[in-house]
Amino acid sequence: MEILDRATLRNQLVQWQEQTLSDEQIWHLALRCKAQTQPEDQVVRDLIDILCALPEDLVTRDDLPVFFDALDNPPEEEEMSVNLLWNYADLIDIVARRQALANDPLYGPYCNG
C-alpha cells in the first residue's frame, strides 16, 4: 500500500487553497486516500479523517491555515499537531458556517442541523 506523506498531502491542500481542486474534489481525494493509502503518521491520518467529513463537518478553505500549521510542525511534535487539529474544531462558528453555506450544493444538505 502506498504511503501518504505530509509533503504530498500539503501539496494537495495547496491545490485546494489555489482552487485548482474544488471542495468536492479534495473531499473525494481524501476518501480515496483513506481507502487506498497508508498515512505517514498520525497527523496525516487525522487530517485525512477530517477531510473525509468535509461536507458534514463544514470544513472549508478557511481551515487551511490550521491544517498547514499541523503539517508543518516537526514530526517530534506530532501530538501537539494532532491536538491542534481536533481542538480547532471547537473554535469554529458552526452557526455562521451553516448560514454561509446553506445554498452551496455540497455543504447545503448538512446545514439544517
C-alpha atoms as a PDB file:
ATOM      1  CA  MET A   1       0.000   0.000   0.000  1.00  0.00           C
ATOM      2  CA  GLU A   2       1.308   3.446  -0.933  1.00  0.00           C
ATOM      3  CA  ILE A   3       2.380   5.776   1.897  1.00  0.00           C
ATOM      4  CA  LEU A   4       0.726   9.197   2.011  1.00  0.00           C
ATOM      5  CA  ASP A   5       3.300  11.604   3.411  1.00  0.00           C
ATOM      6  CA  ARG A   6       2.952  15.121   4.778  1.00  0.00           C
ATOM      7  CA  ALA A   7       4.514  16.771   1.718  1.00  0.00           C
ATOM      8  CA  THR A   8       2.078  15.103  -0.676  1.00  0.00           C
ATOM      9  CA  LEU A   9      -0.925  15.978   1.477  1.00  0.00           C
ATOM     10  CA  ARG A  10       0.344  19.551   1.863  1.00  0.00           C
ATOM     11  CA  ASN A  11       0.654  19.836  -1.928  1.00  0.00           C
ATOM     12  CA  GLN A  12      -2.945  18.660  -2.334  1.00  0.00           C
ATOM     13  CA  LEU A  13      -4.094  21.237   0.220  1.00  0.00           C
ATOM     14  CA  VAL A  14      -2.191  23.965  -1.635  1.00  0.00           C
ATOM     15  CA  GLN A  15      -4.076  22.973  -4.792  1.00  0.00           C
ATOM     16  CA  TRP A  16      -7.326  23.278  -2.845  1.00  0.00           C
ATOM     17  CA  GLN A  17      -6.231  26.658  -1.494  1.00  0.00           C
ATOM     18  CA  GLU A  18      -5.414  27.853  -5.008  1.00  0.00           C
ATOM     19  CA  GLN A  19      -8.779  26.487  -6.168  1.00  0.00           C
ATOM     20  CA  THR A  20      -7.121  24.081  -8.590  1.00  0.00           C
ATOM     21  CA  LEU A  21      -9.084  21.465  -6.639  1.00  0.00           C
ATOM     22  CA  SER A  22     -12.684  22.171  -5.665  1.00  0.00           C
ATOM     23  CA  ASP A  23     -14.173  21.389  -2.264  1.00  0.00           C
ATOM     24  CA  GLU A  24     -15.773  18.290  -3.712  1.00  0.00           C
ATOM     25  CA  GLN A  25     -12.530  17.179  -5.368  1.00  0.00           C
ATOM     26  CA  ILE A  26     -10.486  17.468  -2.161  1.00  0.00           C
ATOM     27  CA  TRP A  27     -13.223  15.557  -0.338  1.00  0.00           C
ATOM     28  CA  HIS A  28     -13.185  12.720  -2.892  1.00  0.00           C
ATOM     29  CA  LEU A  29      -9.395  12.742  -2.888  1.00  0.00           C
ATOM     30  CA  ALA A  30      -9.423  12.320   0.901  1.00  0.00           C
ATOM     31  CA  LEU A  31     -11.884   9.433   0.642  1.00  0.00           C
ATOM     32  CA  ARG A  32      -9.634   7.728  -1.922  1.00  0.00           C
ATOM     33  CA  CYS A  33      -6.538   8.334   0.211  1.00  0.00           C
ATOM     34  CA  LYS A  34      -8.244   6.816   3.238  1.00  0.00           C
ATOM     35  CA  ALA A  35      -9.157   3.706   1.254  1.00  0.00           C
ATOM     36  CA  GLN A  36      -6.009   3.296  -0.795  1.00  0.00           C
ATOM     37  CA  THR A  37      -3.043   4.699   1.142  1.00  0.00           C
ATOM     38  CA  GLN A  38      -1.275   4.290   4.448  1.00  0.00           C
ATOM     39  CA  PRO A  39      -0.727   7.590   6.308  1.00  0.00           C
ATOM     40  CA  GLU A  40       2.868   8.501   7.107  1.00  0.00           C
ATOM     41  CA  ASP A  41       1.920   9.450  10.657  1.00  0.00           C
ATOM     42  CA  GLN A  42      -0.971  10.325  12.924  1.00  0.00           C
ATOM     43  CA  VAL A  43      -1.138  13.926  11.689  1.00  0.00           C
ATOM     44  CA  VAL A  44      -1.714  12.780   8.104  1.00  0.00           C
ATOM     45  CA  ARG A  45      -4.206  10.157   9.272  1.00  0.00           C
ATOM     46  CA  ASP A  46      -6.208  12.624  11.352  1.00  0.00           C
ATOM     47  CA  LEU A  47      -6.180  15.280   8.663  1.00  0.00           C
ATOM     48  CA  ILE A  48      -7.459  12.776   6.097  1.00  0.00           C
ATOM     49  CA  ASP A  49     -10.197  11.805   8.575  1.00  0.00           C
ATOM     50  CA  ILE A  50     -11.158  15.475   8.909  1.00  0.00           C
ATOM     51  CA  LEU A  51     -11.239  15.912   5.139  1.00  0.00           C
ATOM     52  CA  CYS A  52     -13.322  12.755   4.731  1.00  0.00           C
ATOM     53  CA  ALA A  53     -16.026  14.504   6.758  1.00  0.00           C
ATOM     54  CA  LEU A  54     -15.638  17.757   4.800  1.00  0.00           C
ATOM     55  CA  PRO A  55     -19.272  18.431   3.895  1.00  0.00           C
ATOM     56  CA  GLU A  56     -20.791  17.036   7.092  1.00  0.00           C
ATOM     57  CA  ASP A  57     -18.421  18.970   9.369  1.00  0.00           C
ATOM     58  CA  LEU A  58     -18.476  22.071   7.142  1.00  0.00           C
ATOM     59  CA  VAL A  59     -14.699  22.022   6.620  1.00  0.00           C
ATOM     60  CA  THR A  60     -13.692  24.796   4.219  1.00  0.00           C
ATOM     61  CA  ARG A  61     -10.641  26.548   2.816  1.00  0.00           C
ATOM     62  CA  ASP A  62     -10.917  28.858   5.833  1.00  0.00           C
ATOM     63  CA  ASP A  63      -9.478  25.985   7.876  1.00  0.00           C
ATOM     64  CA  LEU A  64      -6.341  25.615   5.782  1.00  0.00           C
ATOM     65  CA  PRO A  65      -4.021  27.744   7.970  1.00  0.00           C
ATOM     66  CA  VAL A  66      -4.584  25.332  10.854  1.00  0.00           C
ATOM     67  CA  PHE A  67      -4.077  22.315   8.597  1.00  0.00           C
ATOM     68  CA  PHE A  68      -0.811  23.779   7.283  1.00  0.00           C
ATOM     69  CA  ASP A  69       0.355  24.518  10.838  1.00  0.00           C
ATOM     70  CA  ALA A  70      -0.283  20.924  11.858  1.00  0.00           C
ATOM     71  CA  LEU A  71       1.533  19.539   8.813  1.00  0.00           C
ATOM     72  CA  ASP A  72       4.452  21.938   9.175  1.00  0.00           C
ATOM     73  CA  ASN A  73       5.183  21.088  12.804  1.00  0.00           C
ATOM     74  CA  PRO A  74       8.176  18.759  13.123  1.00  0.00           C
ATOM     75  CA  PRO A  75       7.426  15.039  13.468  1.00  0.00           C
ATOM     76  CA  GLU A  76       8.583  15.061  17.091  1.00  0.00           C
ATOM     77  CA  GLU A  77       5.703  17.467  17.832  1.00  0.00           C
ATOM     78  CA  GLU A  78       3.128  15.097  16.338  1.00  0.00           C
ATOM     79  CA  GLU A  79       0.996  15.044  19.490  1.00  0.00           C
ATOM     80  CA  MET A  80       0.777  18.842  19.520  1.00  0.00           C
ATOM     81  CA  SER A  81      -0.305  18.828  15.855  1.00  0.00           C
ATOM     82  CA  VAL A  82      -2.994  16.223  16.500  1.00  0.00           C
ATOM     83  CA  ASN A  83      -4.309  18.242  19.448  1.00  0.00           C
ATOM     84  CA  LEU A  84      -4.310  21.370  17.289  1.00  0.00           C
ATOM     85  CA  LEU A  85      -6.407  19.671  14.622  1.00  0.00           C
ATOM     86  CA  TRP A  86      -9.029  18.296  16.976  1.00  0.00           C
ATOM     87  CA  ASN A  87      -9.239  21.272  19.347  1.00  0.00           C
ATOM     88  CA  TYR A  88      -9.567  23.700  16.459  1.00  0.00           C
ATOM     89  CA  ALA A  89     -12.928  22.183  15.543  1.00  0.00           C
ATOM     90  CA  ASP A  90     -14.337  23.513  18.821  1.00  0.00           C
ATOM     91  CA  LEU A  91     -13.456  27.079  17.789  1.00  0.00           C
ATOM     92  CA  ILE A  92     -15.367  27.092  14.505  1.00  0.00           C
ATOM     93  CA  ASP A  93     -18.537  29.182  14.445  1.00  0.00           C
ATOM     94  CA  ILE A  94     -20.760  26.438  13.047  1.00  0.00           C
ATOM     95  CA  VAL A  95     -23.877  28.639  13.066  1.00  0.00           C
ATOM     96  CA  ALA A  96     -22.180  31.209  10.831  1.00  0.00           C
ATOM     97  CA  ARG A  97     -20.852  28.485   8.542  1.00  0.00           C
ATOM     98  CA  ARG A  98     -24.283  26.902   8.219  1.00  0.00           C
ATOM     99  CA  GLN A  99     -25.724  30.262   7.221  1.00  0.00           C
ATOM    100  CA  ALA A 100     -22.910  30.986   4.755  1.00  0.00           C
ATOM    101  CA  LEU A 101     -23.007  27.540   3.144  1.00  0.00           C
ATOM    102  CA  ALA A 102     -26.755  26.865   3.211  1.00  0.00           C
ATOM    103  CA  ASN A 103     -27.133  27.292  -0.551  1.00  0.00           C
ATOM    104  CA  ASP A 104     -23.931  25.502  -1.536  1.00  0.00           C
ATOM    105  CA  PRO A 105     -24.657  22.260  -3.411  1.00  0.00           C
ATOM    106  CA  LEU A 106     -22.021  20.286  -1.471  1.00  0.00           C
ATOM    107  CA  TYR A 107     -22.447  21.723   2.016  1.00  0.00           C
ATOM    108  CA  GLY A 108     -26.089  22.825   1.906  1.00  0.00           C
ATOM    109  CA  PRO A 109     -27.630  19.439   2.755  1.00  0.00           C
ATOM    110  CA  TYR A 110     -25.630  19.465   6.021  1.00  0.00           C
ATOM    111  CA  CYS A 111     -26.624  22.980   7.086  1.00  0.00           C
ATOM    112  CA  ASN A 112     -30.044  22.198   8.530  1.00  0.00           C
ATOM    113  CA  GLY A 113     -28.971  20.905  11.911  1.00  0.00           C
END
